[in-house]
Amino acid sequence: MSAPAGGLPYLDAATVERLVPMGRAVAVLEEALRAGLDPEETPRRPVVDVAAGQLLLMPAATRRYAGVKVVSIAPGNPERGLPRIQGTYLLFDGDTLAPLAALDGIALTSLRTPAVSALAVRHLAEEGARRLVVFGSGPQAYGHVAALREVRPVEEVTVVGRDAARAEALAAHCRAQGLTARALTNRAAAPADPAAGPAAEAVAGADLVACCTTARTPLFPGKLARDGVTVVAVGSHEPGARELDDDLVARATVVVEARAAALEEAGDLLVPIGRGTITSRHLAGNLADLIAGRVVAGPGPRVFKSTGMAWEDLVVAAAAYEAWT
C-alpha cells in the first residue's frame, strides 16, 4: 500500500496491538527461527550514554526487510510524569532500503519482549505450569502475564512490586481476566530474613517466575527456586545489573537469546562469570537451539535470560506491516 499524502505511514500503539495479537507475535518469532534466522548474526546495538540517560540503536535485516529501533532511556522521566523509555521503529524494504513505515517503538517493545519470553517458556517450562510470580508492575509485567497465559495454563498470579498501588492494580487486572491474584509490596516481600515471608513462599511454590524490573541487584535468594521452575529475567541489559543471584544461575539450565549478546550485556550471567561461579560454557544454548530441541533441561531450575534483540523487533514489525497492507 502506498504511503498516505501526509508522508510515511505511521502505525501507532493501538494499531500495532490490533494487527499483531500476543499469540501471533509468539508464532512469528518461532516461524522466523525455524526458517533459519540466526540470532547470533544480529548486529550489536550501540548504547550511547548521554546526560539524561541512554540512547539505544537497534538495527537488523532479513532478505525481505530491514529496520532500526531508536530507543531513549531517561531514568529521571517518571518524576516528570513522562515515560522512562521512549522510541520509534523504522521499517525498510530489504532490497531497496526504501522506507516503508514507522511504528510506535514502545508498543513494539511491549509486545515482542513478553512474546520472546513466552516462546522460551513454551519450549522450556513444565507443561502444567499454573502458578506465576511476577516481579514488577509496569508494562512488561502486564505483558508477561498475557504472554505466558498463551503458552501455559496459568491460574494463579502473585505480583511483587515496590509500589503497593501499582502492584494491586496489576493484581486487579489479573482478577478481571479470571485469574486468582494477589499483590505484595517490597516491605512484605523483604523481611529481616529474605528467605521468609509471603514473597519467599510464593517463589518457592512457583512454576513460573517473571522478573520485569529495573533492579540492579537480585530480587530474591536463588535457593528459593525449586527444581523444575522456569525463571524469565528481562529487566536489565547492562553488565553490572542483574535480577538473579549466583546461586540460581549456577543451579539452572540457562538459555539466552544469543550467546554473543548475553556475554556482552547480561549482568545476570556476567557477574557470576566474573566471580568464577560459572563459565561461559554454563550456557545451555540460545533461543534457536531451544526451538530446535538442542537444549535438554537438567534437574534444577530453568532460566531464560533476555536482553532484547533487534531481530525480534524486525520480525514483529514486519508482521504488523504485512497485516496492515
Protein backbone atom coordinates (compact mmCIF):
# COMPACT_ATOMS: atom_id res chain seq x y z
CA MET A 1 0.00 0.00 0.00
CA SER A 2 1.37 3.42 -0.91
CA ALA A 3 2.19 5.98 1.71
CA PRO A 4 -0.60 8.42 2.51
CA ALA A 5 -0.40 12.01 1.34
CA GLY A 6 0.96 13.04 4.74
CA GLY A 7 4.14 11.02 4.22
CA LEU A 8 5.47 7.80 5.70
CA PRO A 9 2.74 5.56 7.18
CA TYR A 10 2.78 5.52 10.99
CA LEU A 11 1.39 2.57 12.92
CA ASP A 12 0.55 3.78 16.41
CA ALA A 13 0.41 1.66 19.55
CA ALA A 14 -3.24 0.67 19.22
CA THR A 15 -2.71 -0.32 15.58
CA VAL A 16 0.34 -2.46 16.37
CA GLU A 17 -1.53 -4.23 19.17
CA ARG A 18 -4.53 -4.84 16.94
CA LEU A 19 -2.53 -6.11 13.97
CA VAL A 20 -0.30 -8.47 15.97
CA PRO A 21 -2.05 -10.06 18.95
CA MET A 22 0.25 -11.66 21.52
CA GLY A 23 -0.29 -15.19 20.24
CA ARG A 24 0.56 -14.08 16.72
CA ALA A 25 3.75 -12.39 17.95
CA VAL A 26 4.89 -15.64 19.59
CA ALA A 27 4.10 -17.54 16.40
CA VAL A 28 6.00 -15.23 14.01
CA LEU A 29 9.08 -15.27 16.22
CA GLU A 30 9.12 -19.06 16.23
CA GLU A 31 8.50 -19.17 12.48
CA ALA A 32 11.48 -16.90 11.88
CA LEU A 33 13.80 -19.10 13.93
CA ARG A 34 12.54 -22.29 12.28
CA ALA A 35 13.11 -20.67 8.88
CA GLY A 36 16.79 -20.30 9.72
CA LEU A 37 17.16 -16.89 11.33
CA ASP A 38 20.36 -16.98 13.41
CA PRO A 39 20.20 -14.73 16.49
CA GLU A 40 23.99 -14.72 16.67
CA GLU A 41 24.18 -12.78 13.38
CA THR A 42 22.19 -9.82 14.71
CA PRO A 43 24.31 -6.64 14.66
CA ARG A 44 25.40 -5.39 18.08
CA ARG A 45 23.44 -2.42 19.32
CA PRO A 46 25.31 0.75 20.17
CA VAL A 47 24.44 2.09 23.62
CA VAL A 48 25.34 5.75 23.99
CA ASP A 49 25.40 7.41 27.40
CA VAL A 50 24.02 10.95 27.35
CA ALA A 51 23.33 13.47 30.09
CA ALA A 52 19.71 12.40 30.57
CA GLY A 53 20.28 8.65 30.26
CA GLN A 54 20.98 6.40 27.29
CA LEU A 55 20.26 6.12 23.57
CA LEU A 56 19.99 2.65 22.02
CA LEU A 57 20.20 1.98 18.28
CA MET A 58 18.91 -1.48 17.30
CA PRO A 59 19.38 -2.41 13.60
CA ALA A 60 18.55 -5.73 11.94
CA ALA A 61 17.95 -7.11 8.45
CA THR A 62 16.49 -10.13 6.66
CA ARG A 63 16.13 -10.71 2.93
CA ARG A 64 12.72 -9.08 2.78
CA TYR A 65 13.08 -6.28 5.32
CA ALA A 66 15.50 -4.13 7.26
CA GLY A 67 14.75 -1.96 10.23
CA VAL A 68 16.06 0.01 13.14
CA LYS A 69 14.60 0.90 16.50
CA VAL A 70 15.80 4.04 18.23
CA VAL A 71 15.13 3.97 21.97
CA SER A 72 15.79 6.51 24.69
CA ILE A 73 16.05 5.59 28.37
CA ALA A 74 15.68 8.54 30.74
CA PRO A 75 15.69 7.43 34.42
CA GLY A 76 14.53 10.87 35.58
CA ASN A 77 11.41 10.94 33.41
CA PRO A 78 8.96 9.24 35.83
CA GLU A 79 9.45 12.14 38.25
CA ARG A 80 8.38 14.44 35.41
CA GLY A 81 5.34 12.33 34.64
CA LEU A 82 6.95 11.07 31.42
CA PRO A 83 7.78 7.51 30.27
CA ARG A 84 11.21 6.19 31.28
CA ILE A 85 11.57 4.50 27.88
CA GLN A 86 10.51 6.04 24.55
CA GLY A 87 11.21 5.07 20.97
CA THR A 88 10.32 4.76 17.30
CA TYR A 89 10.80 1.96 14.77
CA LEU A 90 11.61 2.49 11.07
CA LEU A 91 10.93 -0.38 8.67
CA PHE A 92 12.65 -0.55 5.24
CA ASP A 93 12.32 -2.72 2.15
CA GLY A 94 15.05 -5.35 2.21
CA ASP A 95 16.02 -4.97 -1.47
CA THR A 96 15.89 -1.21 -1.99
CA LEU A 97 16.11 0.03 1.61
CA ALA A 98 13.23 2.34 0.80
CA PRO A 99 11.34 3.38 3.96
CA LEU A 100 8.05 1.52 4.29
CA ALA A 101 6.60 2.60 7.63
CA ALA A 102 7.27 3.96 11.09
CA LEU A 103 5.86 2.19 14.14
CA ASP A 104 5.43 3.01 17.79
CA GLY A 105 8.68 1.66 19.22
CA ILE A 106 7.43 1.23 22.78
CA ALA A 107 4.35 -0.71 21.67
CA LEU A 108 6.69 -2.93 19.68
CA THR A 109 8.95 -3.49 22.70
CA SER A 110 5.96 -4.10 24.97
CA LEU A 111 4.78 -6.78 22.55
CA ARG A 112 7.94 -8.55 21.43
CA THR A 113 9.68 -8.81 24.82
CA PRO A 114 6.97 -10.89 26.54
CA ALA A 115 6.38 -12.78 23.28
CA VAL A 116 10.04 -13.86 23.26
CA SER A 117 9.73 -14.92 26.89
CA ALA A 118 6.61 -16.91 26.08
CA LEU A 119 8.37 -18.62 23.20
CA ALA A 120 11.17 -19.69 25.54
CA VAL A 121 8.68 -20.83 28.17
CA ARG A 122 6.78 -22.86 25.57
CA HIS A 123 9.90 -24.97 25.00
CA LEU A 124 11.45 -24.83 28.46
CA ALA A 125 8.79 -24.90 31.18
CA GLU A 126 6.83 -27.78 32.68
CA GLU A 127 3.64 -28.46 30.74
CA GLY A 128 1.30 -27.93 33.68
CA ALA A 129 2.81 -24.68 34.95
CA ARG A 130 -0.02 -22.72 36.54
CA ARG A 131 1.45 -20.65 39.41
CA LEU A 132 3.16 -17.44 38.23
CA VAL A 133 5.12 -14.90 40.29
CA VAL A 134 5.74 -11.55 38.59
CA PHE A 135 8.32 -9.10 39.93
CA GLY A 136 7.40 -5.64 38.70
CA SER A 137 4.18 -3.79 37.93
CA GLY A 138 4.95 -1.88 34.74
CA PRO A 139 4.01 -2.58 31.10
CA GLN A 140 6.34 -5.58 30.84
CA ALA A 141 4.73 -7.17 33.89
CA TYR A 142 1.30 -6.84 32.30
CA GLY A 143 2.66 -8.14 29.02
CA HIS A 144 4.28 -11.17 30.61
CA VAL A 145 1.06 -12.22 32.33
CA ALA A 146 -0.74 -12.09 28.98
CA ALA A 147 2.06 -13.79 27.06
CA LEU A 148 2.70 -16.64 29.47
CA ARG A 149 -1.02 -17.43 29.50
CA GLU A 150 -0.72 -18.06 25.77
CA VAL A 151 1.65 -20.99 26.31
CA ARG A 152 0.89 -22.38 29.78
CA PRO A 153 -2.31 -22.89 31.84
CA VAL A 154 -1.61 -20.06 34.29
CA GLU A 155 -4.26 -19.83 37.03
CA GLU A 156 -2.59 -18.06 39.96
CA VAL A 157 -0.55 -14.84 39.86
CA THR A 158 1.42 -13.18 42.65
CA VAL A 159 2.61 -9.65 41.86
CA VAL A 160 5.62 -8.36 43.81
CA GLY A 161 6.29 -4.64 43.38
CA ARG A 162 7.80 -1.61 45.08
CA ASP A 163 4.62 0.46 44.73
CA ALA A 164 1.66 -1.07 46.55
CA ALA A 165 -0.96 0.70 44.43
CA ARG A 166 0.63 -0.32 41.12
CA ALA A 167 1.12 -3.90 42.27
CA GLU A 168 -2.52 -4.10 43.35
CA ALA A 169 -3.63 -2.58 40.03
CA LEU A 170 -1.91 -5.40 38.17
CA ALA A 171 -3.38 -7.99 40.54
CA ALA A 172 -6.84 -6.48 39.98
CA HIS A 173 -6.24 -6.63 36.22
CA CYS A 174 -5.38 -10.32 36.55
CA ARG A 175 -8.52 -10.98 38.60
CA ALA A 176 -10.59 -9.24 35.91
CA GLN A 177 -9.10 -11.76 33.45
CA GLY A 178 -10.41 -14.65 35.58
CA LEU A 179 -7.17 -15.39 37.43
CA THR A 180 -6.58 -15.77 41.13
CA ALA A 181 -4.20 -12.93 42.00
CA ARG A 182 -2.65 -11.09 44.94
CA ALA A 183 -0.20 -8.22 45.34
CA LEU A 184 2.81 -7.95 47.64
CA THR A 185 4.98 -4.90 48.20
CA ASN A 186 8.69 -4.96 48.84
CA ARG A 187 8.14 -4.39 52.55
CA ALA A 188 6.13 -7.59 52.71
CA ALA A 189 8.48 -9.30 50.30
CA ALA A 190 11.71 -8.46 52.08
CA PRO A 191 11.51 -9.17 55.82
CA ALA A 192 14.60 -9.36 58.03
CA ASP A 193 15.09 -12.87 56.70
CA PRO A 194 14.77 -12.57 52.89
CA ALA A 195 14.17 -16.31 52.67
CA ALA A 196 10.96 -15.95 54.70
CA GLY A 197 7.66 -14.17 54.22
CA PRO A 198 4.87 -14.17 51.62
CA ALA A 199 7.01 -13.42 48.57
CA ALA A 200 9.52 -16.10 49.52
CA GLU A 201 6.71 -18.60 49.89
CA ALA A 202 5.30 -17.57 46.52
CA VAL A 203 8.67 -18.00 44.79
CA ALA A 204 9.22 -21.35 46.48
CA GLY A 205 5.87 -22.62 45.19
CA ALA A 206 6.02 -21.04 41.73
CA ASP A 207 6.02 -22.86 38.42
CA LEU A 208 6.97 -19.67 36.56
CA VAL A 209 8.76 -16.52 37.73
CA ALA A 210 8.92 -13.42 35.52
CA CYS A 211 11.40 -10.71 36.52
CA CYS A 212 10.38 -7.45 34.83
CA THR A 213 12.05 -4.76 36.93
CA THR A 214 14.69 -2.05 36.86
CA ALA A 215 16.51 -3.70 39.78
CA ARG A 216 20.29 -3.77 39.73
CA THR A 217 20.66 -6.41 42.45
CA PRO A 218 19.00 -9.85 42.84
CA LEU A 219 15.29 -9.81 43.61
CA PHE A 220 15.18 -12.98 45.73
CA PRO A 221 17.51 -15.66 47.10
CA GLY A 222 18.09 -18.20 44.37
CA LYS A 223 17.88 -21.06 46.84
CA LEU A 224 14.13 -20.42 46.99
CA ALA A 225 13.63 -21.52 43.38
CA ARG A 226 12.62 -25.16 43.24
CA ASP A 227 13.91 -27.69 40.76
CA GLY A 228 11.79 -27.51 37.61
CA VAL A 229 10.69 -23.89 37.95
CA THR A 230 11.24 -21.65 34.93
CA VAL A 231 12.53 -18.15 35.62
CA VAL A 232 12.49 -15.43 32.97
CA ALA A 233 14.64 -12.34 33.52
CA VAL A 234 14.09 -9.41 31.14
CA GLY A 235 14.69 -6.29 33.21
CA SER A 236 18.35 -5.49 32.57
CA HIS A 237 20.74 -5.18 29.65
CA GLU A 238 23.81 -3.88 31.45
CA PRO A 239 26.89 -5.88 32.55
CA GLY A 240 26.63 -4.67 36.15
CA ALA A 241 22.87 -5.01 36.66
CA ARG A 242 21.04 -8.22 37.44
CA GLU A 243 17.78 -9.62 38.81
CA LEU A 244 19.05 -13.16 39.57
CA ASP A 245 21.74 -14.25 42.00
CA ASP A 246 24.73 -16.58 41.55
CA ASP A 247 23.04 -19.49 43.30
CA LEU A 248 20.08 -19.63 40.93
CA VAL A 249 22.15 -19.21 37.79
CA ALA A 250 24.67 -21.86 38.85
CA ARG A 251 21.91 -24.43 39.53
CA ALA A 252 19.94 -23.70 36.38
CA THR A 253 19.78 -24.77 32.78
CA VAL A 254 20.41 -21.33 31.23
CA VAL A 255 19.11 -20.33 27.80
CA VAL A 256 19.78 -16.93 26.21
CA GLU A 257 18.60 -15.16 23.06
CA ALA A 258 22.13 -15.18 21.65
CA ARG A 259 25.39 -16.11 23.31
CA ALA A 260 27.30 -13.14 21.92
CA ALA A 261 24.74 -10.60 23.15
CA ALA A 262 24.36 -12.25 26.55
CA LEU A 263 28.11 -12.37 27.15
CA GLU A 264 28.32 -8.66 26.41
CA GLU A 265 25.21 -7.28 28.13
CA ALA A 266 23.66 -9.74 30.61
CA GLY A 267 24.78 -8.89 34.13
CA ASP A 268 22.78 -11.86 35.43
CA LEU A 269 25.45 -14.00 33.75
CA LEU A 270 28.47 -11.70 33.60
CA VAL A 271 28.57 -11.11 37.36
CA PRO A 272 28.74 -14.82 38.28
CA ILE A 273 31.20 -15.41 35.41
CA GLY A 274 33.38 -12.61 36.77
CA ARG A 275 33.29 -14.19 40.21
CA GLY A 276 34.19 -17.62 38.86
CA THR A 277 30.82 -19.10 39.93
CA ILE A 278 30.16 -20.25 36.36
CA THR A 279 31.92 -20.04 33.00
CA SER A 280 30.51 -19.17 29.59
CA ARG A 281 30.22 -22.91 28.93
CA HIS A 282 27.42 -22.99 31.51
CA LEU A 283 25.03 -21.56 28.88
CA ALA A 284 22.95 -24.44 27.55
CA GLY A 285 22.14 -22.74 24.25
CA ASN A 286 20.46 -19.83 22.53
CA LEU A 287 16.83 -19.44 21.53
CA ALA A 288 17.36 -21.09 18.15
CA ASP A 289 18.96 -24.09 19.88
CA LEU A 290 15.99 -24.32 22.23
CA ILE A 291 13.41 -24.22 19.44
CA ALA A 292 15.32 -26.88 17.51
CA GLY A 293 15.35 -29.24 20.51
CA ARG A 294 19.10 -28.96 21.09
CA VAL A 295 18.69 -27.91 24.74
CA VAL A 296 17.99 -30.58 27.34
CA ALA A 297 16.86 -29.19 30.69
CA GLY A 298 18.76 -30.51 33.70
CA PRO A 299 17.31 -31.46 37.09
CA GLY A 300 17.44 -27.92 38.54
CA PRO A 301 15.62 -24.69 37.67
CA ARG A 302 15.42 -23.41 34.10
CA VAL A 303 16.40 -19.80 33.34
CA PHE A 304 15.78 -17.72 30.23
CA LYS A 305 17.79 -14.52 30.24
CA SER A 306 16.70 -11.86 27.77
CA THR A 307 18.38 -8.56 26.99
CA GLY A 308 16.20 -7.73 23.98
CA MET A 309 17.48 -8.05 20.41
CA ALA A 310 16.88 -6.16 17.19
CA TRP A 311 15.84 -9.22 15.15
CA GLU A 312 12.80 -9.62 17.41
CA ASP A 313 11.64 -6.07 16.69
CA LEU A 314 12.12 -6.57 12.97
CA VAL A 315 10.14 -9.81 12.84
CA VAL A 316 7.18 -8.35 14.75
CA ALA A 317 7.31 -5.01 12.90
CA ALA A 318 7.25 -6.85 9.57
CA ALA A 319 4.25 -8.88 10.73
CA ALA A 320 2.43 -5.68 11.68
CA TYR A 321 3.25 -4.04 8.35
CA GLU A 322 2.12 -7.07 6.36
CA ALA A 323 -1.13 -7.26 8.31
CA TRP A 324 -1.68 -3.53 7.70
CA THR A 325 -1.09 -3.74 3.95
